[in-house]
Protein backbone atom coordinates (compact mmCIF):
# COMPACT_ATOMS: atom_id res chain seq x y z
CA GLN A 1 203.29 69.11 20.60
CA VAL A 2 204.03 71.50 17.56
CA GLN A 3 207.53 72.10 16.61
CA LEU A 4 208.35 75.23 14.52
CA VAL A 5 211.77 75.91 12.97
CA GLU A 6 212.56 79.28 11.33
CA SER A 7 215.38 79.93 8.82
CA GLY A 8 216.33 82.62 6.28
CA GLY A 9 217.54 85.35 8.48
CA GLY A 10 220.72 87.35 7.84
CA SER A 11 222.22 90.68 7.41
CA VAL A 12 221.31 93.05 4.29
CA GLN A 13 221.65 96.61 3.66
CA ALA A 14 218.76 98.98 3.72
CA GLY A 15 216.29 98.64 0.74
CA GLY A 16 217.21 94.87 0.46
CA SER A 17 215.14 91.91 0.85
CA LEU A 18 214.91 88.59 2.84
CA ARG A 19 212.60 85.70 2.80
CA LEU A 20 211.83 83.93 6.36
CA SER A 21 210.58 80.37 6.54
CA CYS A 22 209.09 78.54 9.21
CA ALA A 23 208.40 74.73 9.05
CA ALA A 24 205.99 73.41 11.30
CA SER A 25 206.00 69.59 12.34
CA VAL A 26 202.22 69.39 12.03
CA SER A 27 199.41 71.31 10.18
CA ILE A 28 197.97 73.99 12.53
CA PHE A 29 195.33 76.62 12.11
CA CYS A 30 197.05 79.82 12.42
CA MET A 31 200.60 80.72 11.96
CA GLY A 32 202.20 84.08 12.32
CA TRP A 33 205.34 86.27 12.64
CA PHE A 34 206.59 88.45 15.45
CA ARG A 35 209.83 90.20 16.03
CA GLN A 36 211.58 91.69 19.13
CA ALA A 37 214.30 94.23 19.09
CA PRO A 38 216.67 94.73 21.96
CA GLY A 39 214.78 96.78 24.72
CA LYS A 40 211.57 96.72 22.70
CA GLU A 41 208.46 94.59 23.27
CA ARG A 42 207.61 91.82 21.23
CA GLU A 43 205.69 93.06 18.04
CA VAL A 44 203.28 90.72 16.07
CA LEU A 45 203.77 91.48 12.30
CA ALA A 46 201.40 89.30 10.28
CA THR A 47 199.42 86.27 10.60
CA ALA A 48 197.81 83.70 8.25
CA ASN A 49 195.32 80.81 8.61
CA TRP A 50 195.08 77.87 6.65
CA GLY A 51 192.51 79.48 4.55
CA THR A 52 192.90 82.99 2.87
CA TYR A 53 192.75 84.97 6.08
CA ARG A 54 195.95 87.44 6.13
CA THR A 55 196.59 90.38 8.25
CA TYR A 56 199.40 92.79 8.86
CA ALA A 57 200.57 95.19 11.29
CA ASP A 58 200.73 98.85 9.89
CA SER A 59 204.36 98.92 10.45
CA VAL A 60 205.06 96.21 7.54
CA LYS A 61 202.05 96.70 5.46
CA GLY A 62 203.11 97.08 1.69
CA ARG A 63 206.42 95.93 2.38
CA PHE A 64 206.16 92.39 3.92
CA THR A 65 204.12 89.53 2.60
CA ILE A 66 203.12 86.42 4.56
CA SER A 67 202.27 83.26 2.75
CA ARG A 68 201.58 79.50 3.62
CA ASP A 69 202.24 76.36 1.84
CA ASN A 70 199.91 73.93 3.52
CA THR A 71 201.27 70.94 1.56
CA LYS A 72 204.39 71.61 3.42
CA ASN A 73 203.32 73.14 6.82
CA THR A 74 205.50 76.04 6.18
CA LEU A 75 204.96 79.65 6.76
CA TYR A 76 206.89 82.34 4.92
CA LEU A 77 207.41 86.03 5.22
CA GLN A 78 208.93 87.88 2.30
CA MET A 79 210.51 91.22 3.32
CA ASN A 80 211.12 93.68 0.81
CA ASN A 81 212.47 97.44 1.23
CA LEU A 82 213.99 96.39 4.58
CA LYS A 83 214.89 99.37 6.77
CA PRO A 84 217.38 99.54 9.77
CA GLU A 85 214.42 99.60 12.12
CA ASP A 86 213.51 96.12 11.10
CA THR A 87 216.58 94.86 12.82
CA ALA A 88 215.37 92.34 15.23
CA MET A 89 214.84 88.68 16.04
CA TYR A 90 212.14 87.15 14.06
CA TYR A 91 210.00 84.48 15.52
CA CYS A 92 207.23 82.16 14.13
CA ALA A 93 204.46 81.29 16.33
CA ALA A 94 201.32 79.05 15.96
CA ASP A 95 197.93 79.14 17.49
CA GLY A 96 195.29 76.43 17.29
CA ASP A 97 192.14 78.78 17.23
CA ARG A 98 192.89 82.46 16.81
CA CYS A 99 194.47 84.50 14.18
CA GLY A 100 193.97 88.17 14.34
CA LEU A 101 196.65 90.23 15.05
CA GLY A 102 195.32 91.14 18.49
CA GLU A 103 194.06 87.65 19.27
CA ILE A 104 196.94 85.21 18.31
CA ARG A 105 198.55 83.95 21.59
CA GLY A 106 201.23 81.89 20.19
CA ASP A 107 200.59 78.58 21.70
CA TYR A 108 203.86 77.44 20.21
CA TRP A 109 207.14 79.22 19.30
CA GLY A 110 209.93 78.76 17.23
CA GLN A 111 213.65 79.51 18.35
CA GLY A 112 213.98 82.78 16.18
CA THR A 113 216.15 83.99 13.51
CA GLN A 114 217.91 87.29 13.54
CA VAL A 115 217.38 90.02 10.96
CA THR A 116 220.03 92.85 10.67
CA VAL A 117 219.45 95.65 8.34
CA SER A 118 222.39 98.25 7.95
CA SER A 119 222.04 101.62 6.55
């Protein structure tokens, strides 16, 4: 069983930055970030495998950067130039063998961390 614990959410003004972290209890092939805003479907934002593969959704490309520290089993999401429409609950997920944006299933999930961006 893989446990994921997110941290780093909070409230910022538009244009600000936040860095999310997700600590995994064990090493796992793929980790990714999702978000879900009230009344909207869950959206995959970015994924990273334990090598150099990284991929981003168009909605965050150029503003968000995903990274991993494999020595700490920790995933990060640096979020810059935040917009009010980025307001959502952000979740970390892990997958044992798939890592594309349209492929990651999320075998394991964290509890989520809230990000609120005010205008």
